[in-house]
Amino acid sequence: GDMEDNDYSGEQHERLFREAKEDIRSSWRVNRIMFCPRWTKFFEGDLPVKRFHPVAEIGSCFLHSQGIMESLSGDNTTALELSDVSSMNFFECSSLFFWNTARALVNLSSEGVVRFEVNIGSVTDLGRSIQEERPVRKFHRIFLSNIADYIGLLSIFTEIAPLLHIPSQLVPSFIQTNVLLNTQIWHSYSHYVYSATGLLYVEDAMKFLGMKYMSHDSVWIHQNQWTRDEDENKSHVRRLVSREELSDWLHRLLLQSILPPMRDPFEPSFEACPMNVATFLRTCVFCVKVLKQPAHWVGSILDDIITACSTGVLKTKAVIADHSPSMYQHSETINKINLQSFRLELLTQIEIWTRLNAKYLVPLVKLPNRGDCHKYRLHLWHNCDGSFLKVTPEGVGCGGKLTTLCVGLALSKTKDPDGGGAPDDFLDRCPRDPVHGEGYIRNKAISGSDMLHVFSCVRFDRQQEDKDQYIVEFFMNEDDFKRYSSYFVYAIRADSWNQLGRCTSTGSMRLREAQRVSS
């Protein structure tokens, strides 16, 4: 509230400040990955390492730049030097910045310069909804913190970047993001970009995605800035990438989406790998709709996939990732990738996406004649060990950190897709062990078999009316649903590639237990 309000006495002000100060001291934490000099020195020894002072490090990020304090406070306050910030404690530094920021926002809002709009939900859904507005709103600055750590840079480029103004010399525009979730696992920012986009260098984003990187090739800097291609409306620019290069990249992206590498769910820092088949197809649409790549180029890549679903083999130079964090693996020879275990989802999703984006996705190979696609829902609680599905406030359950971005679905002709026995207590074979996860499901999927089918596009959530009731939703063609109705269904993790919960003594779920919820 207003600190000059007559309802507050000086004594109440003092008590309020004391409580806030104690709360900050007891609960606020400095991100030790971003500001620990040992990590910086180990991973980027060429950068100077200062005397470690977390308050000064954070304060200088916001207050050290010349003119910042003048613009915030509206007076002639001299810009703070690093030595001035070093003399402050964490409370003084933080309160100074946030107090002046709040004053500036209140002043701008009262003058009608700034408008606040609160949107609750997915940032990608928001980006798509704004793109569908007429006229489309455009922005000069988009600040995303480290959202890309969780949803991936590729989704930022396809869903958010089209909202940027084309930059000019007078008014530059950019998206600002940074790396906080897993900073220390990357060799460079290019390494981080490869994991999220399948592009070998940050400079490749200009060729393949029309995005220009504006910062240093480092995950340790505080702002990684991207802007749109200034010449994107010139027809020759998009021809920087050849048809073969586009094909190799999209094949690589497909493999990253359906077969992310094994990861340890108990590690405090890990590679997120948030892509799935829908992310891949969204990128295909983006290439044609936004980047104006020839539709028949992208259509031929979908032809490759549809054909591979029939023959079982995709011929490509792309290589399946064999360790995490993912590293580019060059191949001069043609590799044969077995897609049999992903056939059902690939054909279903391609059918859905080509129907909704008929102007942009134009495969020449005809999809197999099958029934309509529907959304189905399964209730997991009655068939799985509930304690294994629960997640603690720290985000860690019995199987490690759990997010919906690592949850998938498997159809199996056996009762046990991860190959173990059937112990009475699944938790006995899932100890809190850093090497947990044998990867049997992943290995079986790579080998290809009609005994196992994997789905990456699922919605994993709790029932609104019953917080202990977990559900999983997925899309499937109705003919496939009938054909595989007797197969057992398991929720799986795409990090440890284990089951998400083990069936209880009440019996295993079968696909026929799923309920159709929409067309």
Protein backbone atom coordinates (compact mmCIF):
# COMPACT_ATOMS: atom_id res chain seq x y z
CA GLY A 1 0.00 0.00 0.00
CA ASP A 2 0.91 3.69 0.01
CA MET A 3 3.54 4.18 2.73
CA GLU A 4 2.24 7.73 3.31
CA ASP A 5 -1.26 6.51 4.12
CA ASN A 6 -2.47 8.01 7.40
CA ASP A 7 -3.80 4.59 8.48
CA TYR A 8 -0.21 3.53 9.18
CA SER A 9 1.81 4.91 12.06
CA GLY A 10 5.59 5.16 12.12
CA GLU A 11 5.75 2.23 14.52
CA GLN A 12 3.66 0.10 12.16
CA HIS A 13 5.96 1.06 9.30
CA GLU A 14 8.97 -0.10 11.28
CA ARG A 15 7.29 -3.40 12.14
CA LEU A 16 6.31 -3.93 8.51
CA PHE A 17 9.89 -3.34 7.35
CA ARG A 18 11.29 -5.65 10.03
CA GLU A 19 8.92 -8.45 9.03
CA ALA A 20 9.70 -8.02 5.33
CA LYS A 21 13.43 -7.95 6.04
CA GLU A 22 13.29 -11.14 8.08
CA ASP A 23 11.13 -12.86 5.51
CA ILE A 24 13.56 -11.99 2.72
CA ARG A 25 16.57 -13.10 4.74
CA SER A 26 14.97 -16.43 5.64
CA SER A 27 13.29 -17.36 2.34
CA TRP A 28 15.05 -15.61 -0.57
CA ARG A 29 17.87 -17.50 -2.24
CA VAL A 30 20.48 -16.46 -4.78
CA ASN A 31 20.60 -18.75 -7.82
CA ARG A 32 23.94 -20.40 -7.11
CA ILE A 33 24.25 -21.69 -10.66
CA MET A 34 24.07 -18.24 -12.23
CA PHE A 35 26.20 -16.47 -9.64
CA CYS A 36 28.67 -19.06 -8.39
CA PRO A 37 32.17 -18.19 -9.70
CA ARG A 38 33.32 -21.80 -9.50
CA TRP A 39 30.80 -22.83 -12.14
CA THR A 40 31.70 -19.84 -14.30
CA LYS A 41 35.42 -20.54 -14.04
CA PHE A 42 35.01 -24.26 -14.72
CA PHE A 43 32.76 -23.95 -17.75
CA GLU A 44 33.93 -20.64 -19.18
CA GLY A 45 37.46 -20.05 -17.95
CA ASP A 46 38.01 -17.29 -20.50
CA LEU A 47 35.56 -15.02 -18.69
CA PRO A 48 36.87 -12.93 -15.76
CA VAL A 49 35.76 -14.19 -12.35
CA LYS A 50 35.04 -11.46 -9.81
CA ARG A 51 35.13 -11.73 -6.07
CA PHE A 52 31.93 -13.55 -5.21
CA HIS A 53 29.37 -11.14 -3.75
CA PRO A 54 25.82 -12.26 -4.60
CA VAL A 55 24.13 -9.02 -3.54
CA ALA A 56 26.49 -6.94 -5.64
CA GLU A 57 26.17 -9.33 -8.58
CA ILE A 58 22.39 -9.16 -8.60
CA GLY A 59 22.22 -5.46 -7.77
CA SER A 60 24.62 -4.51 -10.53
CA CYS A 61 22.47 -6.35 -13.07
CA PHE A 62 19.63 -3.91 -12.43
CA LEU A 63 21.21 -0.74 -11.02
CA HIS A 64 24.70 -0.40 -12.49
CA SER A 65 23.74 0.81 -15.96
CA GLN A 66 24.04 4.56 -16.43
CA GLY A 67 20.62 6.22 -16.43
CA ILE A 68 18.62 3.34 -14.99
CA MET A 69 17.97 4.97 -11.63
CA GLU A 70 17.15 8.33 -13.22
CA SER A 71 14.50 6.73 -15.42
CA LEU A 72 13.04 4.76 -12.53
CA SER A 73 12.90 7.45 -9.86
CA GLY A 74 12.23 10.43 -12.08
CA ASP A 75 14.84 12.58 -10.33
CA ASN A 76 18.52 13.32 -10.86
CA THR A 77 19.81 10.43 -8.76
CA THR A 78 23.33 9.51 -9.78
CA ALA A 79 23.66 6.02 -11.28
CA LEU A 80 24.91 3.59 -8.66
CA GLU A 81 28.37 2.14 -8.95
CA LEU A 82 29.20 -1.47 -8.09
CA SER A 83 30.95 -0.32 -4.90
CA ASP A 84 27.75 1.42 -3.76
CA VAL A 85 25.73 -1.74 -4.28
CA SER A 86 28.34 -3.82 -2.48
CA SER A 87 27.80 -1.84 0.67
CA MET A 88 24.09 -2.72 0.73
CA ASN A 89 22.56 -5.84 2.19
CA PHE A 90 20.19 -7.99 0.16
CA PHE A 91 17.07 -6.33 1.58
CA GLU A 92 18.31 -2.79 0.88
CA CYS A 93 19.36 -3.62 -2.66
CA SER A 94 16.13 -5.44 -3.53
CA SER A 95 13.78 -2.95 -1.89
CA LEU A 96 15.54 -0.03 -3.63
CA PHE A 97 15.07 -1.56 -7.03
CA PHE A 98 11.50 -2.82 -6.60
CA TRP A 99 10.33 0.34 -4.85
CA ASN A 100 11.56 2.56 -7.68
CA THR A 101 10.26 0.17 -10.31
CA ALA A 102 6.81 0.24 -8.72
CA ARG A 103 6.87 4.05 -8.61
CA ALA A 104 7.81 4.21 -12.29
CA LEU A 105 5.04 1.80 -13.30
CA VAL A 106 2.43 3.67 -11.27
CA ASN A 107 3.46 6.95 -12.89
CA LEU A 108 3.40 5.51 -16.41
CA SER A 109 0.06 3.81 -15.82
CA SER A 110 -1.56 6.95 -14.41
CA GLU A 111 -0.48 8.83 -17.54
CA GLY A 112 -1.95 6.14 -19.82
CA VAL A 113 1.47 5.17 -21.23
CA VAL A 114 1.42 1.61 -19.89
CA ARG A 115 -1.46 -0.86 -19.93
CA PHE A 116 -1.47 -4.09 -17.93
CA GLU A 117 -3.18 -7.21 -19.25
CA VAL A 118 -3.12 -10.38 -17.15
CA ASN A 119 -3.40 -13.70 -18.96
CA ILE A 120 -3.44 -17.00 -17.09
CA GLY A 121 -2.33 -20.08 -18.97
CA SER A 122 0.28 -21.23 -21.47
CA VAL A 123 2.46 -18.56 -23.08
CA THR A 124 2.36 -20.49 -26.36
CA ASP A 125 -1.45 -20.51 -26.32
CA LEU A 126 -1.35 -16.76 -25.69
CA GLY A 127 1.05 -16.25 -28.59
CA ARG A 128 -1.16 -18.24 -30.96
CA SER A 129 -4.31 -16.41 -29.86
CA ILE A 130 -2.68 -13.02 -30.50
CA GLN A 131 -1.50 -14.18 -33.93
CA GLU A 132 -5.11 -15.02 -34.77
CA GLU A 133 -6.33 -11.49 -33.87
CA ARG A 134 -7.10 -9.05 -36.65
CA PRO A 135 -5.21 -6.82 -36.73
CA VAL A 136 -2.40 -8.73 -35.06
CA ARG A 137 -0.75 -6.89 -32.15
CA LYS A 138 3.01 -6.48 -32.45
CA PHE A 139 5.61 -5.83 -29.75
CA HIS A 140 9.06 -4.24 -29.60
CA ARG A 141 10.14 -6.02 -26.41
CA ILE A 142 9.18 -9.47 -25.14
CA PHE A 143 10.76 -10.57 -21.84
CA LEU A 144 10.45 -14.28 -21.09
CA SER A 145 12.87 -14.87 -18.20
CA ASN A 146 13.83 -18.57 -18.47
CA ILE A 147 10.53 -19.92 -19.83
CA ALA A 148 12.54 -21.42 -22.70
CA ASP A 149 14.22 -23.75 -20.18
CA TYR A 150 10.87 -25.50 -19.75
CA ILE A 151 9.06 -25.26 -23.10
CA GLY A 152 12.08 -25.05 -25.43
CA LEU A 153 13.37 -22.28 -27.70
CA LEU A 154 11.69 -23.84 -30.73
CA SER A 155 8.22 -23.09 -29.35
CA ILE A 156 9.38 -19.54 -28.52
CA PHE A 157 10.39 -19.05 -32.15
CA THR A 158 7.23 -20.52 -33.70
CA GLU A 159 4.62 -19.14 -31.28
CA ILE A 160 6.08 -15.93 -29.80
CA ALA A 161 8.62 -14.55 -32.29
CA PRO A 162 5.99 -13.75 -34.99
CA LEU A 163 4.61 -11.15 -32.54
CA LEU A 164 7.81 -9.08 -32.77
CA HIS A 165 7.97 -5.97 -34.92
CA ILE A 166 10.47 -6.11 -37.75
CA PRO A 167 13.45 -4.29 -36.20
CA SER A 168 14.58 -0.91 -37.49
CA GLN A 169 17.60 1.29 -36.80
CA LEU A 170 15.43 3.70 -34.83
CA VAL A 171 13.41 1.16 -32.85
CA PRO A 172 15.14 -2.20 -32.33
CA SER A 173 12.93 -5.10 -31.25
CA PHE A 174 13.92 -8.31 -29.51
CA ILE A 175 12.95 -11.25 -27.35
CA GLN A 176 14.97 -11.50 -24.16
CA THR A 177 15.44 -14.81 -22.38
CA ASN A 178 18.08 -16.48 -20.24
CA VAL A 179 19.19 -19.87 -18.90
CA LEU A 180 18.60 -20.64 -15.23
CA LEU A 181 17.28 -24.20 -14.94
CA ASN A 182 20.41 -26.08 -16.00
CA THR A 183 23.09 -23.51 -16.80
CA GLN A 184 26.08 -25.64 -15.87
CA ILE A 185 25.37 -28.60 -18.19
CA TRP A 186 25.94 -26.63 -21.41
CA HIS A 187 29.28 -25.99 -23.11
CA SER A 188 27.93 -22.85 -24.80
CA TYR A 189 24.69 -21.18 -25.79
CA SER A 190 24.98 -22.93 -29.17
CA HIS A 191 24.89 -26.23 -27.27
CA TYR A 192 21.71 -25.09 -25.49
CA VAL A 193 20.16 -24.02 -28.79
CA TYR A 194 20.97 -27.37 -30.41
CA SER A 195 19.17 -29.30 -27.67
CA ALA A 196 16.03 -27.20 -28.19
CA THR A 197 16.03 -26.74 -31.98
CA GLY A 198 18.35 -29.29 -33.61
CA LEU A 199 20.43 -26.41 -35.07
CA LEU A 200 24.19 -26.80 -34.79
CA TYR A 201 25.06 -23.11 -34.25
CA VAL A 202 23.14 -20.04 -33.08
CA GLU A 203 23.89 -18.49 -36.49
CA ASP A 204 21.87 -21.28 -38.13
CA ALA A 205 18.70 -19.86 -36.58
CA MET A 206 18.86 -17.09 -39.21
CA LYS A 207 18.89 -19.62 -42.07
CA PHE A 208 16.28 -22.03 -40.77
CA LEU A 209 14.01 -19.96 -38.48
CA GLY A 210 14.48 -16.34 -39.51
CA MET A 211 15.83 -15.40 -36.06
CA LYS A 212 19.05 -13.47 -35.41
CA TYR A 213 20.98 -13.94 -32.18
CA MET A 214 22.26 -10.65 -30.75
CA SER A 215 24.32 -11.69 -27.72
CA HIS A 216 27.47 -13.58 -26.75
CA ASP A 217 27.56 -17.35 -27.27
CA SER A 218 27.28 -18.05 -23.54
CA VAL A 219 24.64 -19.40 -21.18
CA TRP A 220 26.11 -17.39 -18.31
CA ILE A 221 25.23 -13.91 -19.51
CA HIS A 222 22.11 -12.37 -18.01
CA GLN A 223 20.29 -11.60 -21.26
CA ASN A 224 20.19 -13.76 -24.38
CA GLN A 225 18.51 -11.58 -26.99
CA TRP A 226 16.92 -12.62 -30.27
CA THR A 227 15.42 -10.50 -33.02
CA ARG A 228 13.63 -11.21 -36.26
CA ASP A 229 15.34 -11.23 -39.63
CA GLU A 230 15.29 -7.63 -40.87
CA ASP A 231 15.00 -8.77 -44.49
CA GLU A 232 12.47 -11.56 -44.00
CA ASN A 233 10.12 -10.12 -46.62
CA LYS A 234 12.78 -10.39 -49.33
CA SER A 235 12.22 -13.59 -51.27
CA HIS A 236 15.91 -14.50 -51.66
CA VAL A 237 16.62 -14.67 -47.93
CA ARG A 238 14.79 -17.91 -47.22
CA ARG A 239 16.71 -19.61 -50.00
CA LEU A 240 19.78 -19.53 -47.75
CA VAL A 241 18.76 -23.05 -46.77
CA SER A 242 18.69 -25.74 -49.43
CA ARG A 243 16.06 -28.43 -49.78
CA GLU A 244 18.53 -31.07 -48.56
CA GLU A 245 19.51 -28.97 -45.53
CA LEU A 246 15.86 -28.43 -44.63
CA SER A 247 15.17 -32.15 -44.93
CA ASP A 248 18.15 -33.12 -42.75
CA TRP A 249 17.17 -30.57 -40.09
CA LEU A 250 13.50 -31.61 -39.91
CA HIS A 251 14.47 -35.29 -39.78
CA ARG A 252 16.82 -34.46 -36.91
CA LEU A 253 14.05 -32.52 -35.20
CA LEU A 254 11.65 -35.45 -35.57
CA LEU A 255 14.08 -37.84 -33.89
CA GLN A 256 14.68 -35.38 -31.06
CA SER A 257 10.91 -35.17 -30.58
CA ILE A 258 10.07 -38.88 -30.45
CA LEU A 259 13.31 -40.31 -29.02
CA PRO A 260 14.84 -37.89 -26.50
CA PRO A 261 17.91 -39.30 -24.73
CA MET A 262 17.92 -41.08 -21.38
CA ARG A 263 18.04 -38.59 -18.49
CA ASP A 264 18.26 -38.97 -14.74
CA PRO A 265 15.02 -37.61 -13.17
CA PHE A 266 16.77 -37.16 -9.82
CA GLU A 267 19.46 -34.80 -11.10
CA PRO A 268 18.99 -31.20 -9.88
CA SER A 269 19.93 -29.94 -13.36
CA PHE A 270 18.85 -31.85 -16.43
CA GLU A 271 18.13 -31.47 -20.14
CA ALA A 272 14.43 -30.70 -20.53
CA CYS A 273 13.71 -32.09 -24.05
CA PRO A 274 10.14 -30.67 -24.17
CA MET A 275 9.40 -31.42 -27.84
CA ASN A 276 6.89 -33.92 -29.20
CA VAL A 277 5.30 -34.79 -32.55
CA ALA A 278 3.01 -31.74 -32.34
CA THR A 279 6.05 -29.47 -31.88
CA PHE A 280 7.59 -30.98 -34.99
CA LEU A 281 4.45 -30.48 -37.09
CA ARG A 282 3.98 -26.93 -35.77
CA THR A 283 7.51 -26.21 -37.03
CA CYS A 284 6.60 -27.63 -40.44
CA VAL A 285 3.64 -25.24 -40.64
CA PHE A 286 5.85 -22.35 -39.47
CA CYS A 287 8.39 -23.04 -42.23
CA VAL A 288 5.74 -22.67 -44.94
CA LYS A 289 3.34 -20.13 -43.41
CA VAL A 290 5.78 -17.68 -41.85
CA LEU A 291 9.16 -18.34 -43.49
CA LYS A 292 7.64 -18.95 -46.96
CA GLN A 293 9.57 -22.14 -47.59
CA PRO A 294 8.14 -24.04 -50.60
CA ALA A 295 5.20 -26.14 -49.46
CA HIS A 296 6.31 -29.07 -51.63
CA TRP A 297 9.67 -29.17 -49.81
CA VAL A 298 7.98 -29.67 -46.47
CA GLY A 299 5.38 -31.92 -48.10
CA SER A 300 8.12 -34.24 -49.36
CA ILE A 301 9.47 -34.54 -45.81
CA LEU A 302 6.02 -35.60 -44.60
CA ASP A 303 5.98 -38.06 -47.53
CA ASP A 304 9.18 -39.59 -46.13
CA ILE A 305 7.51 -40.07 -42.76
CA ILE A 306 4.24 -41.47 -44.13
CA THR A 307 6.18 -43.91 -46.32
CA ALA A 308 8.35 -44.92 -43.35
CA CYS A 309 5.19 -45.69 -41.39
CA SER A 310 4.35 -48.27 -44.05
CA THR A 311 7.82 -49.68 -44.66
CA GLY A 312 8.91 -49.22 -41.05
CA VAL A 313 12.15 -47.43 -41.97
CA LEU A 314 13.04 -43.73 -42.36
CA LYS A 315 16.18 -43.18 -44.45
CA THR A 316 18.03 -40.13 -43.17
CA LYS A 317 21.40 -38.67 -42.22
CA ALA A 318 19.96 -37.75 -38.81
CA VAL A 319 21.22 -39.72 -35.81
CA ILE A 320 19.36 -40.75 -32.66
CA ALA A 321 20.80 -39.04 -29.57
CA ASP A 322 22.68 -41.50 -27.36
CA HIS A 323 23.53 -39.31 -24.37
CA SER A 324 22.39 -36.20 -22.52
CA PRO A 325 22.78 -33.30 -22.93
CA SER A 326 22.34 -33.92 -26.64
CA MET A 327 25.30 -33.29 -28.92
CA TYR A 328 25.31 -33.02 -32.69
CA GLN A 329 26.49 -36.22 -34.38
CA HIS A 330 27.57 -35.91 -37.99
CA SER A 331 26.83 -38.73 -40.41
CA GLU A 332 27.91 -39.00 -44.05
CA THR A 333 26.02 -42.25 -44.54
CA ILE A 334 22.29 -42.84 -44.73
CA ASN A 335 20.86 -44.29 -41.52
CA LYS A 336 17.78 -46.49 -41.37
CA ILE A 337 15.57 -45.43 -38.44
CA ASN A 338 12.77 -47.81 -37.49
CA LEU A 339 9.57 -45.80 -36.86
CA GLN A 340 7.27 -48.78 -36.31
CA SER A 341 6.70 -48.04 -32.62
CA PHE A 342 5.68 -44.44 -33.45
CA ARG A 343 3.58 -45.24 -36.50
CA LEU A 344 0.16 -44.87 -34.84
CA GLU A 345 0.86 -41.43 -33.42
CA LEU A 346 2.69 -40.11 -36.48
CA LEU A 347 -0.15 -41.03 -38.85
CA THR A 348 -2.79 -39.72 -36.43
CA GLN A 349 -1.05 -36.39 -35.86
CA ILE A 350 -0.20 -35.88 -39.54
CA GLU A 351 -3.84 -36.54 -40.38
CA ILE A 352 -5.01 -33.95 -37.83
CA TRP A 353 -2.45 -31.32 -38.77
CA THR A 354 -2.87 -31.64 -42.56
CA ARG A 355 -6.64 -31.31 -42.16
CA LEU A 356 -6.30 -28.15 -40.04
CA ASN A 357 -3.48 -26.67 -42.14
CA ALA A 358 -4.36 -27.81 -45.63
CA LYS A 359 -2.82 -24.67 -47.21
CA TYR A 360 0.61 -25.34 -45.74
CA LEU A 361 1.02 -29.08 -45.21
CA VAL A 362 0.57 -30.80 -48.57
CA PRO A 363 1.99 -34.35 -48.57
CA LEU A 364 1.72 -36.16 -51.90
CA VAL A 365 1.73 -39.65 -50.44
CA LYS A 366 -1.82 -40.54 -49.52
CA LEU A 367 -2.52 -41.35 -45.89
CA PRO A 368 -3.97 -44.82 -45.27
CA ASN A 369 -7.76 -44.95 -45.32
CA ARG A 370 -8.77 -45.00 -41.67
CA GLY A 371 -11.58 -43.74 -39.48
CA ASP A 372 -11.87 -40.34 -37.83
CA CYS A 373 -9.51 -39.17 -35.10
CA HIS A 374 -10.82 -38.65 -31.57
CA LYS A 375 -9.54 -37.62 -28.18
CA TYR A 376 -9.62 -40.31 -25.51
CA ARG A 377 -9.25 -40.16 -21.74
CA LEU A 378 -7.93 -42.72 -19.26
CA HIS A 379 -8.13 -42.64 -15.45
CA LEU A 380 -4.85 -43.81 -13.94
CA TRP A 381 -5.55 -43.82 -10.21
CA HIS A 382 -7.46 -47.09 -9.94
CA ASN A 383 -4.87 -49.00 -11.95
CA CYS A 384 -1.59 -47.49 -10.78
CA ASP A 385 0.23 -47.11 -7.51
CA GLY A 386 -1.04 -43.69 -6.42
CA SER A 387 1.93 -42.92 -4.20
CA PHE A 388 4.19 -43.16 -7.22
CA LEU A 389 2.14 -40.55 -9.10
CA LYS A 390 2.09 -38.02 -6.28
CA VAL A 391 4.54 -35.13 -6.44
CA THR A 392 5.92 -33.34 -3.38
CA PRO A 393 5.90 -29.52 -3.09
CA GLU A 394 9.54 -29.61 -4.18
CA GLY A 395 8.45 -31.20 -7.46
CA VAL A 396 10.03 -34.58 -6.75
CA GLY A 397 8.06 -37.80 -6.47
CA CYS A 398 9.09 -41.40 -5.96
CA GLY A 399 10.28 -41.53 -9.58
CA GLY A 400 12.09 -38.17 -9.65
CA LYS A 401 11.02 -34.74 -10.86
CA LEU A 402 7.73 -35.00 -12.72
CA THR A 403 6.42 -32.58 -15.32
CA THR A 404 3.82 -33.14 -18.03
CA LEU A 405 6.56 -32.44 -20.57
CA CYS A 406 8.20 -35.79 -19.82
CA VAL A 407 5.01 -37.88 -19.74
CA GLY A 408 4.04 -40.15 -22.61
CA LEU A 409 1.89 -43.18 -23.25
CA ALA A 410 2.75 -46.73 -24.33
CA LEU A 411 0.56 -49.48 -25.77
CA SER A 412 2.03 -52.89 -25.10
CA LYS A 413 1.01 -56.39 -26.07
CA THR A 414 2.62 -57.63 -22.86
CA LYS A 415 1.75 -56.66 -19.32
CA ASP A 416 5.16 -55.20 -18.65
CA PRO A 417 6.63 -52.87 -21.32
CA ASP A 418 9.77 -52.07 -19.35
CA GLY A 419 10.73 -55.74 -19.15
CA GLY A 420 10.95 -56.35 -15.42
CA GLY A 421 8.98 -58.79 -13.32
CA ALA A 422 5.76 -57.97 -11.53
CA PRO A 423 6.72 -57.39 -7.88
CA ASP A 424 4.03 -56.77 -5.30
CA ASP A 425 5.37 -53.29 -4.61
CA PHE A 426 6.61 -51.27 -7.58
CA LEU A 427 8.46 -48.92 -5.25
CA ASP A 428 10.78 -51.80 -4.31
CA ARG A 429 12.24 -51.73 -7.80
CA CYS A 430 12.25 -47.92 -8.07
CA PRO A 431 14.75 -46.82 -5.38
CA ARG A 432 15.87 -43.24 -5.15
CA ASP A 433 18.96 -43.99 -7.18
CA PRO A 434 20.85 -41.63 -9.54
CA VAL A 435 21.21 -44.41 -12.12
CA HIS A 436 17.50 -45.34 -11.99
CA GLY A 437 16.05 -46.04 -15.44
CA GLU A 438 17.28 -48.89 -17.57
CA GLY A 439 15.82 -47.50 -20.78
CA TYR A 440 14.22 -50.78 -21.80
CA ILE A 441 11.16 -49.04 -23.26
CA ARG A 442 13.35 -46.70 -25.33
CA ASN A 443 15.51 -49.55 -26.62
CA LYS A 444 12.43 -51.55 -27.54
CA ALA A 445 10.96 -48.51 -29.37
CA ILE A 446 14.20 -47.98 -31.32
CA SER A 447 14.23 -51.61 -32.46
CA GLY A 448 10.64 -51.23 -33.72
CA SER A 449 7.83 -53.68 -33.13
CA ASP A 450 4.07 -53.93 -33.33
CA MET A 451 4.30 -55.13 -29.72
CA LEU A 452 4.94 -51.54 -28.52
CA HIS A 453 3.50 -48.19 -29.60
CA VAL A 454 4.62 -44.90 -28.04
CA PHE A 455 2.63 -41.64 -27.93
CA SER A 456 4.36 -38.32 -27.16
CA CYS A 457 1.33 -36.00 -27.41
CA VAL A 458 -0.57 -36.52 -24.18
CA ARG A 459 -2.21 -34.37 -21.55
CA PHE A 460 -1.45 -35.51 -18.02
CA ASP A 461 -3.44 -33.83 -15.26
CA ARG A 462 -5.57 -34.18 -12.15
CA GLN A 463 -9.33 -34.17 -12.11
CA GLN A 464 -10.76 -30.83 -11.04
CA GLU A 465 -13.31 -32.47 -8.77
CA ASP A 466 -10.87 -34.97 -7.26
CA LYS A 467 -7.25 -33.89 -6.84
CA ASP A 468 -6.17 -37.48 -6.21
CA GLN A 469 -7.60 -38.67 -9.54
CA TYR A 470 -5.01 -38.57 -12.33
CA ILE A 471 -6.01 -38.62 -15.99
CA VAL A 472 -4.19 -38.88 -19.29
CA GLU A 473 -5.69 -37.75 -22.62
CA PHE A 474 -4.46 -38.58 -26.12
CA PHE A 475 -5.58 -38.64 -29.77
CA MET A 476 -6.09 -41.80 -31.78
CA ASN A 477 -7.74 -42.90 -34.98
CA GLU A 478 -10.93 -44.87 -34.26
CA ASP A 479 -9.89 -47.82 -36.45
CA ASP A 480 -6.60 -48.07 -34.56
CA PHE A 481 -8.48 -47.81 -31.28
CA LYS A 482 -10.61 -50.82 -32.19
CA ARG A 483 -7.67 -52.82 -33.53
CA TYR A 484 -5.49 -52.30 -30.43
CA SER A 485 -8.28 -52.21 -27.86
CA SER A 486 -6.92 -55.30 -26.08
CA TYR A 487 -3.41 -53.82 -25.70
CA PHE A 488 -2.29 -52.76 -22.23
CA VAL A 489 -1.83 -49.03 -21.62
CA TYR A 490 0.91 -47.49 -19.49
CA ALA A 491 1.83 -43.92 -18.72
CA ILE A 492 5.59 -43.61 -19.20
CA ARG A 493 8.33 -41.08 -18.54
CA ALA A 494 10.40 -39.90 -21.49
CA ASP A 495 13.40 -39.01 -19.29
CA SER A 496 14.16 -42.28 -17.45
CA TRP A 497 12.02 -44.19 -19.99
CA ASN A 498 10.30 -46.13 -17.22
CA GLN A 499 6.66 -46.61 -16.37
CA LEU A 500 4.93 -43.80 -14.52
CA GLY A 501 3.45 -45.97 -11.79
CA ARG A 502 3.07 -49.73 -11.75
CA CYS A 503 -0.23 -51.56 -12.09
CA THR A 504 -1.72 -52.72 -8.81
CA SER A 505 -3.25 -56.06 -8.00
CA THR A 506 -6.59 -54.86 -9.40
CA GLY A 507 -5.24 -55.52 -12.89
CA SER A 508 -3.75 -53.70 -15.84
CA MET A 509 -5.46 -51.05 -17.92
CA ARG A 510 -6.39 -51.92 -21.46
CA LEU A 511 -6.95 -49.44 -24.25
CA ARG A 512 -10.65 -50.28 -24.44
CA GLU A 513 -11.10 -48.72 -20.97
CA ALA A 514 -10.42 -45.26 -22.44
CA GLN A 515 -13.43 -42.99 -22.93
CA ARG A 516 -13.90 -40.88 -26.03
CA VAL A 517 -14.24 -37.23 -25.05
CA SER A 518 -14.23 -35.36 -28.39
CA SER A 519 -13.78 -35.62 -32.15
